[in-house]
Amino acid sequence: MGHPSLSVADIASHYNVSRATIYRRVKDGTLTAYKLGSRTIRFDAGEVAAAFKK
């Protein structure tokens, strides 16, 4: 795993999905959200690519 570097906005625009879809994937365990502060979460690029593989 690399450093968690993708934000919700990054994922939503790159994979053309809604923010709700990303949060749903976190809730069902498909994605792991890494908290970097009280309001900041980031995602691992490799894990995101695997979860949204087309």
Protein backbone atom coordinates (compact mmCIF):
# COMPACT_ATOMS: atom_id res chain seq x y z
CA MET A 1 0.00 0.00 0.00
CA GLY A 2 1.18 3.49 -0.81
CA HIS A 3 0.44 6.61 1.12
CA PRO A 4 -3.27 7.44 1.25
CA SER A 5 -3.49 10.35 -1.15
CA LEU A 6 -6.84 10.48 -2.93
CA SER A 7 -9.70 12.58 -1.64
CA VAL A 8 -13.39 11.87 -2.13
CA ALA A 9 -13.52 14.62 -4.77
CA ASP A 10 -10.55 13.10 -6.64
CA ILE A 11 -12.21 9.69 -6.78
CA ALA A 12 -15.61 11.07 -7.73
CA SER A 13 -14.26 13.06 -10.68
CA HIS A 14 -11.82 10.41 -11.94
CA TYR A 15 -14.22 7.46 -11.78
CA ASN A 16 -17.39 9.49 -12.52
CA VAL A 17 -19.19 8.31 -9.39
CA SER A 18 -21.07 10.23 -6.74
CA ARG A 19 -19.73 11.04 -3.29
CA ALA A 20 -22.53 8.86 -1.90
CA THR A 21 -21.17 5.87 -3.84
CA ILE A 22 -17.74 6.35 -2.28
CA TYR A 23 -19.16 6.57 1.23
CA ARG A 24 -21.32 3.50 0.52
CA ARG A 25 -18.17 1.58 -0.49
CA VAL A 26 -16.52 2.62 2.78
CA LYS A 27 -19.57 1.46 4.74
CA ASP A 28 -19.70 -1.95 3.01
CA GLY A 29 -15.95 -2.47 3.47
CA THR A 30 -14.90 -2.26 -0.19
CA LEU A 31 -12.79 0.84 0.49
CA THR A 32 -10.78 1.80 3.54
CA ALA A 33 -10.89 5.46 4.56
CA TYR A 34 -7.83 6.82 6.35
CA LYS A 35 -8.50 9.75 8.69
CA LEU A 36 -5.81 12.41 8.58
CA GLY A 37 -7.53 14.84 10.89
CA SER A 38 -10.92 15.53 12.34
CA ARG A 39 -12.47 16.23 8.90
CA THR A 40 -9.96 14.90 6.39
CA ILE A 41 -10.07 11.40 4.91
CA ARG A 42 -7.93 9.96 2.15
CA PHE A 43 -7.86 6.73 0.17
CA ASP A 44 -5.11 4.51 -1.21
CA ALA A 45 -4.91 4.81 -5.02
CA GLY A 46 -4.32 1.09 -5.58
CA GLU A 47 -7.26 0.08 -3.42
CA VAL A 48 -9.51 2.59 -5.19
CA ALA A 49 -8.44 1.33 -8.62
CA ALA A 50 -9.26 -2.26 -7.60
CA ALA A 51 -12.65 -1.26 -6.17
CA PHE A 52 -13.70 0.68 -9.27
CA LYS A 53 -12.14 -1.58 -11.90
CA LYS A 54 -14.19 -1.37 -15.06
